[in-house]
């Protein structure tokens, strides 16, 4: 009987879609941007932080603004979405929220804009 239950459990687990999103490095982020111009970049910092320098073509969705979670739900489900913030904490929380509502192509840029700048990648102002 135990073997039957284990087999059923394994079958059920193998049918569940695995999320593809994860934390990615700034180098992986830069590679994804170069390889696919349809990647959606989302900066979850404040407007002042965004004005101090942001990734080219990124959208600002301020983590602290009312309606932030509603705004996240407008992101496309059929494209790779890369979230970033200053250090990676706010974007990781935003990614977790999107994961919880079924998004599977969402990535968190680990280290945020701080790590991006440390690798000397360009930003826009």
PDB file of N, CA and C in Angstrom:
ATOM      1  N   UNK A   1       0.813  -1.186   0.000  1.00  0.00           N
ATOM      2  CA  UNK A   1       0.000   0.000   0.000  1.00  0.00           C
ATOM      3  C   UNK A   1       0.866   1.262   0.000  1.00  0.00           C
ATOM      4  N   UNK A   2       1.959   1.253   0.766  1.00  0.00           N
ATOM      5  CA  UNK A   2       2.858   2.401   0.817  1.00  0.00           C
ATOM      6  C   UNK A   2       3.426   2.709  -0.562  1.00  0.00           C
ATOM      7  N   UNK A   3       3.779   1.664  -1.319  1.00  0.00           N
ATOM      8  CA  UNK A   3       4.338   1.865  -2.657  1.00  0.00           C
ATOM      9  C   UNK A   3       3.329   2.543  -3.564  1.00  0.00           C
ATOM     10  N   UNK A   4       2.068   2.188  -3.444  1.00  0.00           N
ATOM     11  CA  UNK A   4       1.026   2.793  -4.266  1.00  0.00           C
ATOM     12  C   UNK A   4       0.876   4.275  -3.934  1.00  0.00           C
ATOM     13  N   UNK A   5       0.845   4.616  -2.642  1.00  0.00           N
ATOM     14  CA  UNK A   5       0.723   6.015  -2.234  1.00  0.00           C
ATOM     15  C   UNK A   5       1.936   6.815  -2.699  1.00  0.00           C
ATOM     16  N   UNK A   6       3.112   6.259  -2.572  1.00  0.00           N
ATOM     17  CA  UNK A   6       4.327   6.941  -3.007  1.00  0.00           C
ATOM     18  C   UNK A   6       4.307   7.159  -4.513  1.00  0.00           C
ATOM     19  N   UNK A   7       3.838   6.166  -5.256  1.00  0.00           N
ATOM     20  CA  UNK A   7       3.768   6.292  -6.713  1.00  0.00           C
ATOM     21  C   UNK A   7       2.780   7.376  -7.127  1.00  0.00           C
ATOM     22  N   UNK A   8       1.635   7.425  -6.458  1.00  0.00           N
ATOM     23  CA  UNK A   8       0.633   8.457  -6.766  1.00  0.00           C
ATOM     24  C   UNK A   8       1.186   9.831  -6.429  1.00  0.00           C
ATOM     25  N   UNK A   9       1.844   9.964  -5.274  1.00  0.00           N
ATOM     26  CA  UNK A   9       2.434  11.230  -4.880  1.00  0.00           C
ATOM     27  C   UNK A   9       3.477  11.681  -5.893  1.00  0.00           C
ATOM     28  N   UNK A  10       4.343  10.799  -6.327  1.00  0.00           N
ATOM     29  CA  UNK A  10       5.368  11.138  -7.318  1.00  0.00           C
ATOM     30  C   UNK A  10       4.730  11.584  -8.628  1.00  0.00           C
ATOM     31  N   UNK A  11       3.661  10.918  -9.035  1.00  0.00           N
ATOM     32  CA  UNK A  11       2.958  11.283 -10.265  1.00  0.00           C
ATOM     33  C   UNK A  11       2.369  12.686 -10.145  1.00  0.00           C
ATOM     34  N   UNK A  12       1.737  12.969  -9.016  1.00  0.00           N
ATOM     35  CA  UNK A  12       1.150  14.288  -8.817  1.00  0.00           C
ATOM     36  C   UNK A  12       2.211  15.380  -8.803  1.00  0.00           C
ATOM     37  N   UNK A  13       3.316  15.134  -8.132  1.00  0.00           N
ATOM     38  CA  UNK A  13       4.391  16.120  -8.076  1.00  0.00           C
ATOM     39  C   UNK A  13       5.015  16.351  -9.442  1.00  0.00           C
ATOM     40  N   UNK A  14       5.124  15.319 -10.241  1.00  0.00           N
ATOM     41  CA  UNK A  14       5.738  15.475 -11.550  1.00  0.00           C
ATOM     42  C   UNK A  14       4.834  16.234 -12.513  1.00  0.00           C
ATOM     43  N   UNK A  15       3.532  16.298 -12.246  1.00  0.00           N
ATOM     44  CA  UNK A  15       2.598  17.004 -13.115  1.00  0.00           C
ATOM     45  C   UNK A  15       2.480  18.481 -12.759  1.00  0.00           C
ATOM     46  N   UNK A  16       2.894  18.860 -11.577  1.00  0.00           N
ATOM     47  CA  UNK A  16       2.777  20.256 -11.162  1.00  0.00           C
ATOM     48  C   UNK A  16       3.805  21.095 -11.912  1.00  0.00           C
ATOM     49  N   UNK A  17       3.383  22.241 -12.460  1.00  0.00           N
ATOM     50  CA  UNK A  17       4.342  23.076 -13.172  1.00  0.00           C
ATOM     51  C   UNK A  17       5.348  23.677 -12.204  1.00  0.00           C
ATOM     52  N   UNK A  18       6.602  23.567 -12.536  1.00  0.00           N
ATOM     53  CA  UNK A  18       7.654  24.135 -11.698  1.00  0.00           C
ATOM     54  C   UNK A  18       7.908  25.574 -12.111  1.00  0.00           C
ATOM     55  N   UNK A  19       7.976  26.484 -11.151  1.00  0.00           N
ATOM     56  CA  UNK A  19       8.270  27.850 -11.529  1.00  0.00           C
ATOM     57  C   UNK A  19       9.666  27.947 -12.122  1.00  0.00           C
ATOM     58  N   UNK A  20       9.813  28.756 -13.164  1.00  0.00           N
ATOM     59  CA  UNK A  20      11.117  28.892 -13.793  1.00  0.00           C
ATOM     60  C   UNK A  20      11.865  30.096 -13.255  1.00  0.00           C
ATOM     61  N   UNK A  21      11.152  31.035 -12.663  1.00  0.00           N
ATOM     62  CA  UNK A  21      11.802  32.226 -12.152  1.00  0.00           C
ATOM     63  C   UNK A  21      12.679  31.917 -10.955  1.00  0.00           C
ATOM     64  N   UNK A  22      13.696  32.756 -10.771  1.00  0.00           N
ATOM     65  CA  UNK A  22      14.634  32.557  -9.672  1.00  0.00           C
ATOM     66  C   UNK A  22      15.437  33.833  -9.504  1.00  0.00           C
ATOM     67  N   UNK A  23      16.332  33.840  -8.543  1.00  0.00           N
ATOM     68  CA  UNK A  23      17.282  34.938  -8.430  1.00  0.00           C
ATOM     69  C   UNK A  23      18.325  34.761  -9.532  1.00  0.00           C
ATOM     70  N   UNK A  24      18.662  35.865 -10.178  1.00  0.00           N
ATOM     71  CA  UNK A  24      19.697  35.816 -11.215  1.00  0.00           C
ATOM     72  C   UNK A  24      20.732  36.892 -10.925  1.00  0.00           C
ATOM     73  N   UNK A  25      21.936  36.661 -11.385  1.00  0.00           N
ATOM     74  CA  UNK A  25      23.020  37.616 -11.181  1.00  0.00           C
ATOM     75  C   UNK A  25      22.877  38.789 -12.150  1.00  0.00           C
ATOM     76  N   UNK A  26      23.637  39.835 -11.914  1.00  0.00           N
ATOM     77  CA  UNK A  26      23.616  40.964 -12.850  1.00  0.00           C
ATOM     78  C   UNK A  26      24.147  40.542 -14.212  1.00  0.00           C
ATOM     79  N   UNK A  27      25.114  39.627 -14.243  1.00  0.00           N
ATOM     80  CA  UNK A  27      25.628  39.147 -15.530  1.00  0.00           C
ATOM     81  C   UNK A  27      24.547  38.379 -16.286  1.00  0.00           C
ATOM     82  N   UNK A  28      23.775  37.552 -15.580  1.00  0.00           N
ATOM     83  CA  UNK A  28      22.660  36.842 -16.224  1.00  0.00           C
ATOM     84  C   UNK A  28      21.605  37.833 -16.711  1.00  0.00           C
ATOM     85  N   UNK A  29      21.359  38.859 -15.917  1.00  0.00           N
ATOM     86  CA  UNK A  29      20.404  39.895 -16.312  1.00  0.00           C
ATOM     87  C   UNK A  29      20.860  40.573 -17.591  1.00  0.00           C
ATOM     88  N   UNK A  30      22.116  40.989 -17.628  1.00  0.00           N
ATOM     89  CA  UNK A  30      22.648  41.657 -18.822  1.00  0.00           C
ATOM     90  C   UNK A  30      22.558  40.739 -20.040  1.00  0.00           C
ATOM     91  N   UNK A  31      22.840  39.462 -19.859  1.00  0.00           N
ATOM     92  CA  UNK A  31      22.753  38.504 -20.970  1.00  0.00           C
ATOM     93  C   UNK A  31      21.315  38.362 -21.461  1.00  0.00           C
ATOM     94  N   UNK A  32      20.362  38.277 -20.530  1.00  0.00           N
ATOM     95  CA  UNK A  32      18.957  38.152 -20.918  1.00  0.00           C
ATOM     96  C   UNK A  32      18.495  39.393 -21.672  1.00  0.00           C
ATOM     97  N   UNK A  33      18.929  40.569 -21.232  1.00  0.00           N
ATOM     98  CA  UNK A  33      18.549  41.815 -21.905  1.00  0.00           C
ATOM     99  C   UNK A  33      19.126  41.847 -23.321  1.00  0.00           C
ATOM    100  N   UNK A  34      20.375  41.446 -23.466  1.00  0.00           N
ATOM    101  CA  UNK A  34      21.009  41.429 -24.796  1.00  0.00           C
ATOM    102  C   UNK A  34      20.341  40.418 -25.722  1.00  0.00           C
ATOM    103  N   UNK A  35      19.950  39.277 -25.174  1.00  0.00           N
ATOM    104  CA  UNK A  35      19.399  38.191 -25.989  1.00  0.00           C
ATOM    105  C   UNK A  35      17.940  38.413 -26.363  1.00  0.00           C
ATOM    106  N   UNK A  36      17.189  39.153 -25.566  1.00  0.00           N
ATOM    107  CA  UNK A  36      15.751  39.271 -25.796  1.00  0.00           C
ATOM    108  C   UNK A  36      15.288  40.682 -25.462  1.00  0.00           C
ATOM    109  N   UNK A  37      14.980  41.434 -26.494  1.00  0.00           N
ATOM    110  CA  UNK A  37      14.537  42.816 -26.267  1.00  0.00           C
ATOM    111  C   UNK A  37      13.123  42.877 -25.706  1.00  0.00           C
ATOM    112  N   UNK A  38      12.432  41.751 -25.608  1.00  0.00           N
ATOM    113  CA  UNK A  38      11.088  41.722 -25.036  1.00  0.00           C
ATOM    114  C   UNK A  38      11.077  41.449 -23.542  1.00  0.00           C
ATOM    115  N   UNK A  39      12.244  41.363 -22.924  1.00  0.00           N
ATOM    116  CA  UNK A  39      12.307  41.204 -21.474  1.00  0.00           C
ATOM    117  C   UNK A  39      11.699  42.452 -20.838  1.00  0.00           C
ATOM    118  N   UNK A  40      10.884  42.259 -19.821  1.00  0.00           N
ATOM    119  CA  UNK A  40      10.280  43.383 -19.109  1.00  0.00           C
ATOM    120  C   UNK A  40      11.105  43.632 -17.854  1.00  0.00           C
ATOM    121  N   UNK A  41      11.671  44.827 -17.754  1.00  0.00           N
ATOM    122  CA  UNK A  41      12.463  45.220 -16.592  1.00  0.00           C
ATOM    123  C   UNK A  41      11.609  46.090 -15.693  1.00  0.00           C
ATOM    124  N   UNK A  42      11.572  45.742 -14.414  1.00  0.00           N
ATOM    125  CA  UNK A  42      10.750  46.486 -13.461  1.00  0.00           C
ATOM    126  C   UNK A  42      11.611  46.918 -12.281  1.00  0.00           C
ATOM    127  N   UNK A  43      11.698  48.226 -12.097  1.00  0.00           N
ATOM    128  CA  UNK A  43      12.415  48.831 -10.982  1.00  0.00           C
ATOM    129  C   UNK A  43      11.388  49.108  -9.896  1.00  0.00           C
ATOM    130  N   UNK A  44      11.560  48.496  -8.739  1.00  0.00           N
ATOM    131  CA  UNK A  44      10.574  48.664  -7.664  1.00  0.00           C
ATOM    132  C   UNK A  44      11.035  49.666  -6.602  1.00  0.00           C
ATOM    133  N   UNK A  45      11.994  50.507  -6.958  1.00  0.00           N
ATOM    134  CA  UNK A  45      12.462  51.534  -6.029  1.00  0.00           C
ATOM    135  C   UNK A  45      11.536  52.753  -6.081  1.00  0.00           C
ATOM    136  N   UNK A  46      11.859  53.763  -5.315  1.00  0.00           N
ATOM    137  CA  UNK A  46      11.087  55.003  -5.315  1.00  0.00           C
ATOM    138  C   UNK A  46      11.441  55.833  -6.552  1.00  0.00           C
ATOM    139  N   UNK A  47      10.626  56.840  -6.817  1.00  0.00           N
ATOM    140  CA  UNK A  47      10.875  57.718  -7.970  1.00  0.00           C
ATOM    141  C   UNK A  47      12.230  58.423  -7.851  1.00  0.00           C
ATOM    142  N   UNK A  48      12.589  58.855  -6.645  1.00  0.00           N
ATOM    143  CA  UNK A  48      13.893  59.501  -6.456  1.00  0.00           C
ATOM    144  C   UNK A  48      15.042  58.535  -6.729  1.00  0.00           C
ATOM    145  N   UNK A  49      14.908  57.300  -6.265  1.00  0.00           N
ATOM    146  CA  UNK A  49      15.948  56.294  -6.526  1.00  0.00           C
ATOM    147  C   UNK A  49      16.052  56.030  -8.025  1.00  0.00           C
ATOM    148  N   UNK A  50      14.907  55.909  -8.667  1.00  0.00           N
ATOM    149  CA  UNK A  50      14.860  55.659 -10.115  1.00  0.00           C
ATOM    150  C   UNK A  50      15.561  56.789 -10.870  1.00  0.00           C
ATOM    151  N   UNK A  51      15.300  58.033 -10.458  1.00  0.00           N
ATOM    152  CA  UNK A  51      15.900  59.199 -11.115  1.00  0.00           C
ATOM    153  C   UNK A  51      17.419  59.236 -10.948  1.00  0.00           C
ATOM    154  N   UNK A  52      17.926  58.599  -9.914  1.00  0.00           N
ATOM    155  CA  UNK A  52      19.371  58.607  -9.680  1.00  0.00           C
ATOM    156  C   UNK A  52      20.116  57.656 -10.615  1.00  0.00           C
ATOM    157  N   UNK A  53      19.385  56.817 -11.328  1.00  0.00           N
ATOM    158  CA  UNK A  53      19.983  55.887 -12.282  1.00  0.00           C
ATOM    159  C   UNK A  53      19.201  54.589 -12.316  1.00  0.00           C
ATOM    160  N   UNK A  54      18.841  54.148 -13.532  1.00  0.00           N
ATOM    161  CA  UNK A  54      18.033  52.939 -13.692  1.00  0.00           C
ATOM    162  C   UNK A  54      18.457  52.209 -14.961  1.00  0.00           C
ATOM    163  N   UNK A  55      18.026  50.970 -15.081  1.00  0.00           N
ATOM    164  CA  UNK A  55      18.320  50.183 -16.273  1.00  0.00           C
ATOM    165  C   UNK A  55      17.511  50.717 -17.447  1.00  0.00           C
ATOM    166  N   UNK A  56      18.119  50.708 -18.622  1.00  0.00           N
ATOM    167  CA  UNK A  56      17.491  51.182 -19.849  1.00  0.00           C
ATOM    168  C   UNK A  56      16.170  50.445 -20.082  1.00  0.00           C
ATOM    169  N   UNK A  57      15.133  51.192 -20.406  1.00  0.00           N
ATOM    170  CA  UNK A  57      13.796  50.666 -20.703  1.00  0.00           C
ATOM    171  C   UNK A  57      13.096  50.015 -19.508  1.00  0.00           C
ATOM    172  N   UNK A  58      13.542  50.309 -18.291  1.00  0.00           N
ATOM    173  CA  UNK A  58      12.855  49.721 -17.130  1.00  0.00           C
ATOM    174  C   UNK A  58      11.630  50.547 -16.776  1.00  0.00           C
ATOM    175  N   UNK A  59      10.646  49.849 -16.215  1.00  0.00           N
ATOM    176  CA  UNK A  59       9.421  50.490 -15.739  1.00  0.00           C
ATOM    177  C   UNK A  59       9.556  50.737 -14.243  1.00  0.00           C
ATOM    178  N   UNK A  60       9.085  51.866 -13.801  1.00  0.00           N
ATOM    179  CA  UNK A  60       9.072  52.154 -12.368  1.00  0.00           C
ATOM    180  C   UNK A  60       7.745  51.708 -11.782  1.00  0.00           C
ATOM    181  N   UNK A  61       7.802  50.870 -10.759  1.00  0.00           N
ATOM    182  CA  UNK A  61       6.639  50.470  -9.970  1.00  0.00           C
ATOM    183  C   UNK A  61       7.068  50.563  -8.511  1.00  0.00           C
ATOM    184  N   UNK A  62       6.820  51.698  -7.917  1.00  0.00           N
ATOM    185  CA  UNK A  62       7.292  51.998  -6.561  1.00  0.00           C
ATOM    186  C   UNK A  62       6.693  51.035  -5.535  1.00  0.00           C
ATOM    187  N   UNK A  63       7.562  50.301  -4.890  1.00  0.00           N
ATOM    188  CA  UNK A  63       7.194  49.308  -3.872  1.00  0.00           C
ATOM    189  C   UNK A  63       6.339  49.909  -2.769  1.00  0.00           C
ATOM    190  N   UNK A  64       6.590  51.175  -2.426  1.00  0.00           N
ATOM    191  CA  UNK A  64       5.917  51.806  -1.297  1.00  0.00           C
ATOM    192  C   UNK A  64       4.613  52.513  -1.668  1.00  0.00           C
ATOM    193  N   UNK A  65       4.279  52.598  -2.935  1.00  0.00           N
ATOM    194  CA  UNK A  65       3.053  53.287  -3.351  1.00  0.00           C
ATOM    195  C   UNK A  65       1.829  52.415  -3.122  1.00  0.00           C
ATOM    196  N   UNK A  66       0.725  53.033  -2.727  1.00  0.00           N
ATOM    197  CA  UNK A  66      -0.525  52.267  -2.645  1.00  0.00           C
ATOM    198  C   UNK A  66      -0.846  51.679  -4.027  1.00  0.00           C
ATOM    199  N   UNK A  67      -1.359  50.485  -4.042  1.00  0.00           N
ATOM    200  CA  UNK A  67      -1.699  49.842  -5.307  1.00  0.00           C
ATOM    201  C   UNK A  67      -0.543  49.111  -5.960  1.00  0.00           C
ATOM    202  N   UNK A  68       0.575  48.981  -5.240  1.00  0.00           N
ATOM    203  CA  UNK A  68       1.756  48.320  -5.816  1.00  0.00           C
ATOM    204  C   UNK A  68       1.433  46.899  -6.280  1.00  0.00           C
ATOM    205  N   UNK A  69       0.773  46.124  -5.452  1.00  0.00           N
ATOM    206  CA  UNK A  69       0.472  44.733  -5.820  1.00  0.00           C
ATOM    207  C   UNK A  69      -0.499  44.653  -7.003  1.00  0.00           C
ATOM    208  N   UNK A  70      -1.440  45.598  -7.074  1.00  0.00           N
ATOM    209  CA  UNK A  70      -2.334  45.646  -8.240  1.00  0.00           C
ATOM    210  C   UNK A  70      -1.535  45.961  -9.498  1.00  0.00           C
ATOM    211  N   UNK A  71      -0.586  46.884  -9.392  1.00  0.00           N
ATOM    212  CA  UNK A  71       0.245  47.242 -10.547  1.00  0.00           C
ATOM    213  C   UNK A  71       1.065  46.041 -11.013  1.00  0.00           C
ATOM    214  N   UNK A  72       1.604  45.281 -10.073  1.00  0.00           N
ATOM    215  CA  UNK A  72       2.380  44.095 -10.456  1.00  0.00           C
ATOM    216  C   UNK A  72       1.548  43.120 -11.273  1.00  0.00           C
ATOM    217  N   UNK A  73       0.280  43.013 -10.952  1.00  0.00           N
ATOM    218  CA  UNK A  73      -0.595  42.063 -11.641  1.00  0.00           C
ATOM    219  C   UNK A  73      -0.868  42.447 -13.089  1.00  0.00           C
ATOM    220  N   UNK A  74      -0.468  43.650 -13.497  1.00  0.00           N
ATOM    221  CA  UNK A  74      -0.637  44.062 -14.892  1.00  0.00           C
ATOM    222  C   UNK A  74       0.535  43.609 -15.765  1.00  0.00           C
ATOM    223  N   UNK A  75       1.574  43.068 -15.136  1.00  0.00           N
ATOM    224  CA  UNK A  75       2.734  42.616 -15.911  1.00  0.00           C
ATOM    225  C   UNK A  75       2.356  41.397 -16.751  1.00  0.00           C
ATOM    226  N   UNK A  76       2.944  41.274 -17.937  1.00  0.00           N
ATOM    227  CA  UNK A  76       2.600  40.136 -18.805  1.00  0.00           C
ATOM    228  C   UNK A  76       3.076  38.815 -18.220  1.00  0.00           C
ATOM    229  N   UNK A  77       2.265  37.793 -18.390  1.00  0.00           N
ATOM    230  CA  UNK A  77       2.628  36.452 -17.924  1.00  0.00           C
ATOM    231  C   UNK A  77       3.411  35.682 -18.976  1.00  0.00           C
ATOM    232  N   UNK A  78       3.395  36.160 -20.205  1.00  0.00           N
ATOM    233  CA  UNK A  78       4.023  35.423 -21.302  1.00  0.00           C
ATOM    234  C   UNK A  78       5.409  35.956 -21.664  1.00  0.00           C
ATOM    235  N   UNK A  79       5.965  36.814 -20.830  1.00  0.00           N
ATOM    236  CA  UNK A  79       7.306  37.359 -21.063  1.00  0.00           C
ATOM    237  C   UNK A  79       8.150  37.171 -19.808  1.00  0.00           C
ATOM    238  N   UNK A  80       9.458  37.189 -20.001  1.00  0.00           N
ATOM    239  CA  UNK A  80      10.362  37.172 -18.851  1.00  0.00           C
ATOM    240  C   UNK A  80      10.319  38.548 -18.196  1.00  0.00           C
ATOM    241  N   UNK A  81      10.085  38.566 -16.895  1.00  0.00           N
ATOM    242  CA  UNK A  81      10.030  39.803 -16.117  1.00  0.00           C
ATOM    243  C   UNK A  81      11.193  39.769 -15.135  1.00  0.00           C
ATOM    244  N   UNK A  82      12.018  40.801 -15.185  1.00  0.00           N
ATOM    245  CA  UNK A  82      13.138  40.908 -14.256  1.00  0.00           C
ATOM    246  C   UNK A  82      12.867  42.084 -13.325  1.00  0.00           C
ATOM    247  N   UNK A  83      12.810  41.795 -12.036  1.00  0.00           N
ATOM    248  CA  UNK A  83      12.582  42.800 -11.010  1.00  0.00           C
ATOM    249  C   UNK A  83      13.914  43.174 -10.368  1.00  0.00           C
ATOM    250  N   UNK A  84      14.051  44.454 -10.039  1.00  0.00           N
ATOM    251  CA  UNK A  84      15.241  44.855  -9.285  1.00  0.00           C
ATOM    252  C   UNK A  84      14.918  46.055  -8.412  1.00  0.00           C
ATOM    253  N   UNK A  85      15.751  46.243  -7.402  1.00  0.00           N
ATOM    254  CA  UNK A  85      15.635  47.392  -6.507  1.00  0.00           C
ATOM    255  C   UNK A  85      17.051  47.844  -6.151  1.00  0.00           C
ATOM    256  N   UNK A  86      17.232  48.405  -4.992  1.00  0.00           N
ATOM    257  CA  UNK A  86      18.558  48.879  -4.602  1.00  0.00           C
ATOM    258  C   UNK A  86      19.493  47.710  -4.284  1.00  0.00           C
ATOM    259  N   UNK A  87      19.017  46.780  -3.434  1.00  0.00           N
ATOM    260  CA  UNK A  87      19.894  45.696  -2.998  1.00  0.00           C
ATOM    261  C   UNK A  87      19.351  44.301  -3.296  1.00  0.00           C
ATOM    262  N   UNK A  88      18.080  44.207  -3.678  1.00  0.00           N
ATOM    263  CA  UNK A  88      17.477  42.913  -3.985  1.00  0.00           C
ATOM    264  C   UNK A  88      16.396  42.466  -3.027  1.00  0.00           C
ATOM    265  N   UNK A  89      16.194  43.174  -1.924  1.00  0.00           N
ATOM    266  CA  UNK A  89      15.192  42.762  -0.937  1.00  0.00           C
ATOM    267  C   UNK A  89      13.766  43.048  -1.403  1.00  0.00           C
ATOM    268  N   UNK A  90      13.495  44.283  -1.809  1.00  0.00           N
ATOM    269  CA  UNK A  90      12.135  44.632  -2.244  1.00  0.00           C
ATOM    270  C   UNK A  90      11.746  43.841  -3.497  1.00  0.00           C
ATOM    271  N   UNK A  91      12.693  43.700  -4.410  1.00  0.00           N
ATOM    272  CA  UNK A  91      12.386  42.953  -5.644  1.00  0.00           C
ATOM    273  C   UNK A  91      12.167  41.473  -5.341  1.00  0.00           C
ATOM    274  N   UNK A  92      12.870  40.931  -4.357  1.00  0.00           N
ATOM    275  CA  UNK A  92      12.650  39.528  -3.971  1.00  0.00           C
ATOM    276  C   UNK A  92      11.243  39.358  -3.401  1.00  0.00           C
ATOM    277  N   UNK A  93      10.792  40.320  -2.608  1.00  0.00           N
ATOM    278  CA  UNK A  93       9.440  40.248  -2.060  1.00  0.00           C
ATOM    279  C   UNK A  93       8.394  40.389  -3.164  1.00  0.00           C
ATOM    280  N   UNK A  94       8.645  41.258  -4.127  1.00  0.00           N
ATOM    281  CA  UNK A  94       7.721  41.412  -5.262  1.00  0.00           C
ATOM    282  C   UNK A  94       7.681  40.126  -6.084  1.00  0.00           C
ATOM    283  N   UNK A  95       8.833  39.502  -6.286  1.00  0.00           N
ATOM    284  CA  UNK A  95       8.890  38.237  -7.019  1.00  0.00           C
ATOM    285  C   UNK A  95       8.095  37.164  -6.274  1.00  0.00           C
ATOM    286  N   UNK A  96       8.258  37.109  -4.978  1.00  0.00           N
ATOM    287  CA  UNK A  96       7.529  36.130  -4.171  1.00  0.00           C
ATOM    288  C   UNK A  96       6.017  36.316  -4.342  1.00  0.00           C
ATOM    289  N   UNK A  97       5.569  37.569  -4.344  1.00  0.00           N
ATOM    290  CA  UNK A  97       4.142  37.833  -4.552  1.00  0.00           C
ATOM    291  C   UNK A  97       3.696  37.320  -5.920  1.00  0.00           C
ATOM    292  N   UNK A  98       4.443  37.647  -6.966  1.00  0.00           N
ATOM    293  CA  UNK A  98       4.065  37.202  -8.316  1.00  0.00           C
ATOM    294  C   UNK A  98       4.092  35.680  -8.421  1.00  0.00           C
ATOM    295  N   UNK A  99       5.070  35.046  -7.791  1.00  0.00           N
ATOM    296  CA  UNK A  99       5.106  33.573  -7.751  1.00  0.00           C
ATOM    297  C   UNK A  99       3.825  33.033  -7.115  1.00  0.00           C
ATOM    298  N   UNK A 100       3.393  33.679  -6.041  1.00  0.00           N
ATOM    299  CA  UNK A 100       2.233  33.186  -5.285  1.00  0.00           C
ATOM    300  C   UNK A 100       0.928  33.287  -6.070  1.00  0.00           C
ATOM    301  N   UNK A 101       0.888  34.141  -7.085  1.00  0.00           N
ATOM    302  CA  UNK A 101      -0.337  34.261  -7.888  1.00  0.00           C
ATOM    303  C   UNK A 101      -0.181  33.611  -9.266  1.00  0.00           C
ATOM    304  N   UNK A 102       0.856  32.783  -9.409  1.00  0.00           N
ATOM    305  CA  UNK A 102       0.955  31.956 -10.600  1.00  0.00           C
ATOM    306  C   UNK A 102       1.893  32.411 -11.696  1.00  0.00           C
ATOM    307  N   UNK A 103       2.600  33.509 -11.514  1.00  0.00           N
ATOM    308  CA  UNK A 103       3.595  33.901 -12.515  1.00  0.00           C
ATOM    309  C   UNK A 103       4.754  32.910 -12.460  1.00  0.00           C
ATOM    310  N   UNK A 104       5.276  32.538 -13.610  1.00  0.00           N
ATOM    311  CA  UNK A 104       6.371  31.561 -13.644  1.00  0.00           C
ATOM    312  C   UNK A 104       7.624  32.076 -14.351  1.00  0.00           C
ATOM    313  N   UNK A 105       7.544  33.243 -14.953  1.00  0.00           N
ATOM    314  CA  UNK A 105       8.698  33.764 -15.697  1.00  0.00           C
ATOM    315  C   UNK A 105       9.195  35.067 -15.069  1.00  0.00           C
ATOM    316  N   UNK A 106       9.299  35.072 -13.749  1.00  0.00           N
ATOM    317  CA  UNK A 106       9.715  36.262 -13.012  1.00  0.00           C
ATOM    318  C   UNK A 106      11.059  35.990 -12.350  1.00  0.00           C
ATOM    319  N   UNK A 107      11.958  36.947 -12.476  1.00  0.00           N
ATOM    320  CA  UNK A 107      13.309  36.817 -11.936  1.00  0.00           C
ATOM    321  C   UNK A 107      13.623  38.006 -11.048  1.00  0.00           C
ATOM    322  N   UNK A 108      14.419  37.767 -10.031  1.00  0.00           N
ATOM    323  CA  UNK A 108      14.906  38.815  -9.145  1.00  0.00           C
ATOM    324  C   UNK A 108      16.390  39.007  -9.416  1.00  0.00           C
ATOM    325  N   UNK A 109      16.778  40.242  -9.750  1.00  0.00           N
ATOM    326  CA  UNK A 109      18.203  40.523  -9.963  1.00  0.00           C
ATOM    327  C   UNK A 109      18.864  40.651  -8.594  1.00  0.00           C
ATOM    328  N   UNK A 110      19.595  39.612  -8.216  1.00  0.00           N
ATOM    329  CA  UNK A 110      20.255  39.566  -6.907  1.00  0.00           C
ATOM    330  C   UNK A 110      21.261  40.712  -6.780  1.00  0.00           C
ATOM    331  N   UNK A 111      21.232  41.360  -5.647  1.00  0.00           N
ATOM    332  CA  UNK A 111      22.165  42.458  -5.392  1.00  0.00           C
ATOM    333  C   UNK A 111      21.669  43.801  -5.878  1.00  0.00           C
ATOM    334  N   UNK A 112      20.610  43.808  -6.682  1.00  0.00           N
ATOM    335  CA  UNK A 112      19.992  45.045  -7.141  1.00  0.00           C
ATOM    336  C   UNK A 112      20.914  45.967  -7.923  1.00  0.00           C
ATOM    337  N   UNK A 113      20.543  47.231  -7.943  1.00  0.00           N
ATOM    338  CA  UNK A 113      21.289  48.236  -8.712  1.00  0.00           C
ATOM    339  C   UNK A 113      22.688  48.431  -8.131  1.00  0.00           C
ATOM    340  N   UNK A 114      22.850  48.131  -6.843  1.00  0.00           N
ATOM    341  CA  UNK A 114      24.190  48.222  -6.244  1.00  0.00           C
ATOM    342  C   UNK A 114      25.127  47.251  -6.957  1.00  0.00           C
ATOM    343  N   UNK A 115      24.701  46.001  -7.109  1.00  0.00           N
ATOM    344  CA  UNK A 115      25.531  45.007  -7.795  1.00  0.00           C
ATOM    345  C   UNK A 115      25.709  45.369  -9.268  1.00  0.00           C
ATOM    346  N   UNK A 116      24.658  45.882  -9.896  1.00  0.00           N
ATOM    347  CA  UNK A 116      24.733  46.305 -11.303  1.00  0.00           C
ATOM    348  C   UNK A 116      25.833  47.352 -11.469  1.00  0.00           C
ATOM    349  N   UNK A 117      25.828  48.354 -10.591  1.00  0.00           N
ATOM    350  CA  UNK A 117      26.835  49.414 -10.659  1.00  0.00           C
ATOM    351  C   UNK A 117      28.236  48.889 -10.363  1.00  0.00           C
ATOM    352  N   UNK A 118      28.346  47.936  -9.442  1.00  0.00           N
ATOM    353  CA  UNK A 118      29.654  47.357  -9.123  1.00  0.00           C
ATOM    354  C   UNK A 118      30.269  46.638 -10.319  1.00  0.00           C
ATOM    355  N   UNK A 119      29.403  46.132 -11.209  1.00  0.00           N
ATOM    356  CA  UNK A 119      29.884  45.456 -12.426  1.00  0.00           C
ATOM    357  C   UNK A 119      30.084  46.432 -13.568  1.00  0.00           C
ATOM    358  N   UNK A 120      29.876  47.719 -13.301  1.00  0.00           N
ATOM    359  CA  UNK A 120      30.107  48.799 -14.264  1.00  0.00           C
ATOM    360  C   UNK A 120      29.233  48.704 -15.504  1.00  0.00           C
ATOM    361  N   UNK A 121      28.016  48.185 -15.326  1.00  0.00           N
ATOM    362  CA  UNK A 121      27.060  48.197 -16.416  1.00  0.00           C
ATOM    363  C   UNK A 121      26.435  49.595 -16.467  1.00  0.00           C
ATOM    364  N   UNK A 122      26.021  50.037 -17.653  1.00  0.00           N
ATOM    365  CA  UNK A 122      25.463  51.402 -17.769  1.00  0.00           C
ATOM    366  C   UNK A 122      24.079  51.532 -17.140  1.00  0.00           C
ATOM    367  N   UNK A 123      23.800  52.753 -16.691  1.00  0.00           N
ATOM    368  CA  UNK A 123      22.465  53.104 -16.208  1.00  0.00           C
ATOM    369  C   UNK A 123      22.038  54.382 -16.929  1.00  0.00           C
ATOM    370  N   UNK A 124      20.732  54.615 -16.923  1.00  0.00           N
ATOM    371  CA  UNK A 124      20.205  55.847 -17.487  1.00  0.00           C
ATOM    372  C   UNK A 124      19.790  56.771 -16.355  1.00  0.00           C
ATOM    373  N   UNK A 125      19.860  58.045 -16.609  1.00  0.00           N
ATOM    374  CA  UNK A 125      19.412  59.044 -15.615  1.00  0.00           C
ATOM    375  C   UNK A 125      18.412  59.959 -16.249  1.00  0.00           C
TER     376      UNK A 125
END
